[in-house]
Protein backbone atom coordinates (compact mmCIF):
# COMPACT_ATOMS: atom_id res chain seq x y z
CA MET A 1 9.43 2.31 32.85
CA SER A 2 8.45 2.68 29.28
CA ARG A 3 5.46 0.60 28.10
CA THR A 4 5.15 0.38 24.42
CA MET A 5 2.18 -0.88 22.75
CA ALA A 6 1.86 -1.58 18.86
CA VAL A 7 -1.51 -0.53 17.39
CA ILE A 8 -2.87 -1.99 14.14
CA GLN A 9 -6.09 -0.55 12.72
CA PRO A 10 -7.48 -2.61 9.82
CA ARG A 11 -10.53 -1.59 7.86
CA LEU A 12 -12.18 -4.60 6.31
CA VAL A 13 -14.59 -2.58 4.11
CA THR A 14 -13.53 0.84 2.76
CA GLY A 15 -16.00 2.79 0.53
CA GLY A 16 -18.07 -0.29 0.00
CA VAL A 17 -15.07 -2.30 -1.28
CA LYS A 18 -13.61 -5.18 0.75
CA SER A 19 -9.88 -4.85 1.74
CA HIS A 20 -7.12 -7.34 1.11
CA HIS A 21 -6.99 -8.07 4.85
CA THR A 22 -9.01 -11.35 4.69
CA ARG A 23 -7.01 -12.87 1.79
CA LYS A 24 -4.74 -15.72 2.39
CA LEU A 25 -1.11 -15.99 2.00
CA GLY A 26 0.45 -19.49 3.00
CA GLY A 27 -2.57 -20.32 5.01
CA GLN A 28 -2.53 -16.84 6.89
CA SER A 29 -4.78 -14.02 6.30
CA LEU A 30 -2.88 -10.77 5.38
CA LEU A 31 -3.98 -9.25 8.74
CA GLU A 32 -2.78 -12.10 10.70
CA ARG A 33 0.69 -12.02 8.84
CA VAL A 34 0.91 -8.32 9.75
CA VAL A 35 0.07 -9.11 13.41
CA ARG A 36 2.61 -12.03 13.57
CA ARG A 37 5.40 -9.80 12.17
CA VAL A 38 4.78 -7.32 14.93
CA THR A 39 4.62 -9.80 17.67
CA ASP A 40 8.04 -10.87 16.60
CA CYS A 41 9.41 -7.61 17.94
CA GLU A 42 11.54 -8.10 21.04
CA ARG A 43 10.90 -4.58 22.62
CA LEU A 44 6.99 -4.34 22.68
CA GLU A 45 4.91 -4.98 25.72
CA ARG A 46 1.65 -5.51 23.91
CA VAL A 47 0.14 -5.62 20.48
CA ALA A 48 -3.53 -4.54 19.95
CA VAL A 49 -5.80 -4.50 16.93
CA VAL A 50 -8.11 -1.55 17.20
CA ILE A 51 -11.37 -1.54 15.32
CA SER A 52 -14.52 0.36 15.11
CA ASN A 53 -17.89 -0.86 16.39
CA ARG A 54 -19.15 -0.95 12.82
CA PRO A 55 -20.72 -4.48 12.06
CA GLU A 56 -18.45 -4.95 9.04
CA ASP A 57 -15.34 -4.80 11.38
CA GLU A 58 -16.49 -7.73 13.51
CA ALA A 59 -14.87 -10.25 11.14
CA VAL A 60 -11.48 -9.16 12.60
CA PHE A 61 -11.98 -11.42 15.49
CA ASP A 62 -11.74 -14.27 13.10
CA LEU A 63 -8.61 -13.11 11.64
CA VAL A 64 -6.53 -12.14 14.68
CA PRO A 65 -4.53 -14.82 16.66
CA ARG A 66 -6.21 -15.36 20.04
CA ASP A 67 -3.26 -14.22 22.05
CA VAL A 68 -3.47 -10.69 20.61
CA ALA A 69 -5.99 -8.19 22.05
CA VAL A 70 -8.81 -6.75 19.82
CA TYR A 71 -10.13 -3.56 21.19
CA VAL A 72 -13.52 -2.18 19.80
CA SER A 73 -13.89 1.60 20.01
CA ASP A 74 -16.95 3.59 19.37
CA ARG A 75 -15.02 6.73 18.53
CA ARG A 76 -15.67 8.49 15.31
CA ASP A 77 -12.16 8.27 13.46
CA PRO A 78 -8.85 6.41 13.66
CA LEU A 79 -7.01 9.10 15.81
CA ALA A 80 -9.90 9.05 18.29
CA ARG A 81 -9.94 5.30 18.43
CA VAL A 82 -6.18 4.95 19.12
CA CYS A 83 -6.49 7.54 21.99
CA ASP A 84 -9.50 5.51 23.27
CA ALA A 85 -7.05 2.37 23.27
CA ILE A 86 -4.48 4.50 24.95
CA GLU A 87 -6.96 5.47 27.83
CA HIS A 88 -7.83 1.73 28.08
CA PHE A 89 -4.33 0.05 27.91
CA ARG A 90 -2.24 2.92 29.51
CA PRO A 91 1.00 2.67 27.52
CA THR A 92 3.54 5.42 27.54
CA ALA A 93 4.28 4.99 23.83
CA VAL A 94 2.49 3.72 20.80
CA ILE A 95 3.94 2.03 17.69
CA SER A 96 1.59 2.85 14.81
CA VAL A 97 1.54 -0.10 12.29
CA PRO A 98 -0.17 0.25 8.82
CA ALA A 99 -2.41 -2.69 8.42
CA ASP A 100 -1.50 -3.08 4.77
CA GLN A 101 2.12 -3.82 5.43
CA PRO A 102 2.79 -7.73 5.59
CA CYS A 103 6.43 -7.04 5.06
CA ILE A 104 6.93 -4.89 8.00
CA ASP A 105 10.20 -5.71 9.57
CA PRO A 106 10.33 -6.26 13.37
CA VAL A 107 14.11 -5.04 13.34
CA PHE A 108 12.96 -1.66 12.29
CA VAL A 109 10.24 -1.48 14.89
CA ASP A 110 12.66 -2.49 17.69
CA ARG A 111 15.10 0.12 16.56
CA LEU A 112 12.33 2.81 17.05
CA ILE A 113 11.91 1.68 20.59
CA ASN A 114 15.65 1.75 21.14
CA THR A 115 16.01 5.28 19.57
CA ALA A 116 13.18 6.43 21.92
CA SER A 117 15.12 5.06 24.88
CA GLU A 118 18.20 7.10 23.71
CA ASN A 119 16.05 10.17 23.11
CA PRO A 120 13.66 10.55 25.93
CA THR A 121 12.46 14.04 24.96
CA CYS A 122 11.24 12.95 21.46
CA ASP A 123 7.45 12.75 20.67
CA TYR A 124 7.65 11.19 17.33
CA ILE A 125 10.28 8.85 15.90
CA SER A 126 10.20 7.16 12.42
CA TYR A 127 12.34 6.67 9.24
CA SER A 128 12.90 9.29 6.48
CA SER A 129 13.44 8.91 2.67
CA ARG A 130 16.19 10.72 0.94
CA ASP A 131 13.77 13.61 0.31
CA GLY A 132 13.43 14.22 4.08
CA GLN A 133 9.89 13.02 4.22
CA PRO A 134 8.72 10.36 6.63
CA ALA A 135 9.16 6.97 4.99
CA ILE A 136 5.71 6.12 6.17
CA LEU A 137 4.29 8.40 3.33
CA SER A 138 6.14 6.14 0.88
CA PRO A 139 4.95 2.74 -0.46
CA LEU A 140 7.95 0.98 0.87
CA GLY A 141 5.82 -1.00 3.42
CA VAL A 142 8.26 -2.17 6.09
CA PHE A 143 8.32 0.75 8.41
CA ALA A 144 6.21 1.86 11.48
CA GLU A 145 6.08 4.89 13.60
CA TRP A 146 6.98 5.45 17.28
CA CYS A 147 4.71 8.03 19.12
CA ARG A 148 4.65 9.38 22.68
CA ALA A 149 1.15 8.39 24.02
CA SER A 150 0.63 11.87 25.55
CA ALA A 151 1.55 13.55 22.07
CA LEU A 152 -1.09 11.53 20.46
CA VAL A 153 -3.61 12.61 23.06
CA THR A 154 -2.64 16.28 22.23
CA ALA A 155 -3.04 15.57 18.64
CA ASN A 156 -6.62 14.12 19.11
CA ARG A 157 -7.40 17.26 21.10
CA ASP A 158 -6.02 19.69 18.53
CA ALA A 159 -6.40 18.06 15.18
CA LYS A 160 -9.33 19.42 13.00
CA LEU A 161 -8.60 18.44 9.36
CA PRO A 162 -10.04 15.23 8.13
CA GLU A 163 -6.64 13.86 6.93
CA GLU A 164 -5.19 14.61 10.35
CA ARG A 165 -7.83 12.53 12.01
CA GLN A 166 -7.89 9.74 9.47
CA GLU A 167 -4.07 9.27 9.48
CA VAL A 168 -3.18 8.79 13.14
CA THR A 169 0.30 10.36 13.08
CA ARG A 170 -0.10 13.10 10.50
CA TYR A 171 -0.68 15.88 13.04
CA LEU A 172 2.60 15.03 14.87
CA TYR A 173 5.01 15.06 11.93
CA SER A 174 3.15 18.00 10.38
CA HIS A 175 3.88 20.29 13.45
CA PRO A 176 7.56 20.09 14.21
CA ASP A 177 7.02 23.45 16.04
CA GLN A 178 4.84 21.69 18.54
CA PHE A 179 6.42 18.22 18.75
CA ARG A 180 9.95 16.96 18.96
CA LEU A 181 10.68 14.78 15.89
CA ARG A 182 13.46 12.39 15.14
CA LEU A 183 13.72 10.64 11.70
CA ILE A 184 16.17 7.82 11.06
CA PRO A 185 17.53 7.58 7.44
CA VAL A 186 16.15 4.63 5.47
CA PRO A 187 18.85 2.13 4.45
CA ALA A 188 20.06 2.94 0.90
CA GLU A 189 18.97 -0.57 -0.35
CA LEU A 190 15.34 0.47 0.20
CA ASP A 191 15.44 4.13 -0.44
CA ARG A 192 14.42 4.02 -4.11
CA ASP A 193 11.55 4.63 -6.31
CA ASP A 194 11.05 1.00 -7.70
CA LEU A 195 10.22 -0.65 -4.51
CA ARG A 196 6.60 -1.17 -3.40
CA LEU A 197 5.76 -3.61 -0.58
CA THR A 198 2.60 -2.06 0.68
CA VAL A 199 -0.50 -4.01 -0.31
CA THR A 200 -3.30 -1.62 -1.48
CA HIS A 201 -4.05 -2.74 -5.02
CA GLU A 202 -4.37 -6.09 -6.83
CA GLU A 203 -1.10 -5.95 -8.50
CA ASP A 204 0.52 -5.40 -5.08
CA TRP A 205 -1.03 -8.71 -3.99
CA ASP A 206 0.51 -10.48 -6.98
CA HIS A 207 3.94 -9.15 -6.08
CA LEU A 208 3.57 -10.28 -2.48
CA HIS A 209 2.86 -13.94 -3.80
CA THR A 210 6.01 -13.60 -6.06
CA ILE A 211 8.04 -12.69 -2.88
CA TYR A 212 6.46 -15.44 -0.74
CA ASP A 213 6.88 -18.07 -3.49
CA ALA A 214 10.53 -17.30 -3.63
CA LEU A 215 11.59 -16.77 -0.02
CA GLY A 216 9.05 -18.84 1.93
CA PRO A 217 7.13 -17.92 5.05
CA GLU A 218 10.24 -17.21 7.06
CA GLY A 219 12.06 -15.19 4.39
CA PHE A 220 10.50 -11.72 4.77
CA GLU A 221 13.54 -10.08 6.43
CA TRP A 222 14.01 -6.84 4.51
CA ARG A 223 17.47 -7.62 3.09
CA GLN A 224 16.35 -10.90 1.71
CA ILE A 225 13.41 -8.98 -0.03
CA ALA A 226 15.66 -6.32 -1.33
CA ASP A 227 18.16 -8.83 -2.68
CA LEU A 228 15.38 -10.77 -4.44
CA LEU A 229 13.89 -7.74 -6.12
CA HIS A 230 17.39 -6.57 -7.21
CA ARG A 231 17.54 -9.69 -9.24
CA HIS A 232 14.09 -9.15 -10.68
CA PRO A 233 14.21 -5.94 -12.64
CA ALA A 234 10.75 -6.52 -14.33
CA VAL A 235 9.06 -6.71 -11.12
CA ARG A 236 10.77 -3.53 -9.90
CA GLU A 237 9.70 -1.74 -13.11
CA ARG A 238 6.08 -2.68 -12.33
CA MET A 239 6.48 -1.53 -8.77
CA ALA A 240 7.90 1.75 -10.02
CA HIS A 241 4.83 2.23 -12.44
CA LEU A 242 2.36 1.58 -9.45
CA ASN A 243 4.24 4.03 -7.38
CA ARG A 244 3.73 6.74 -10.00
CA GLU A 245 0.17 5.83 -10.51
CA PHE A 246 -1.04 5.44 -7.04
CA ALA A 247 -0.65 7.72 -3.92
CA THR A 248 -0.37 5.62 -0.71
CA ARG A 249 -1.78 8.19 1.72
């Protein structure tokens, strides 16, 4: 039986600068909103927030709902820490969820798990933009990645480059000769250059508030967001500008 665990790895302080994860939206921290969006998935067995043993990460315990596990790892980098969590929880598959995506859609996560059930030989499953690249490289901010747990363990053993260790899944999708990949096309309504739902910069936070004020706490389904932004070209223009200015990974 497949046991799929979602892993979220927030960093509350990066390069001496506090992240957006502690900021509030509708009474919830950004991190709690990400966690709750993921716990709405129907096909997951477990959700875990994985953090380092650095003192600055301890505040995560105050931001994560008590029914969700927080796992503290002393490993040196995100890839090693997720594999430490794999050793502890023993899932057969992992959904890697970026912690800066409060608009992540549970429907897309469940589809990954369904696709994995239909393609039992795959090691990595995610979504692809029209350029053929994994959508996780884009700033769309609604997608996650499915990974076979054993494939991540192999990546942890073999990955040497810093970016391969900091970005948990990079080694998998960068080595199609070693791993079996499957990419699902992004819906056309989202596959565009003027959408940005990841929250990494101050103006992203402003756009998130605009969406929340218009749609409310239960209105974060991707079609509702796409329709809202279709009716607000000025917001999309700013999002397009940010996409050109900033790289997300």
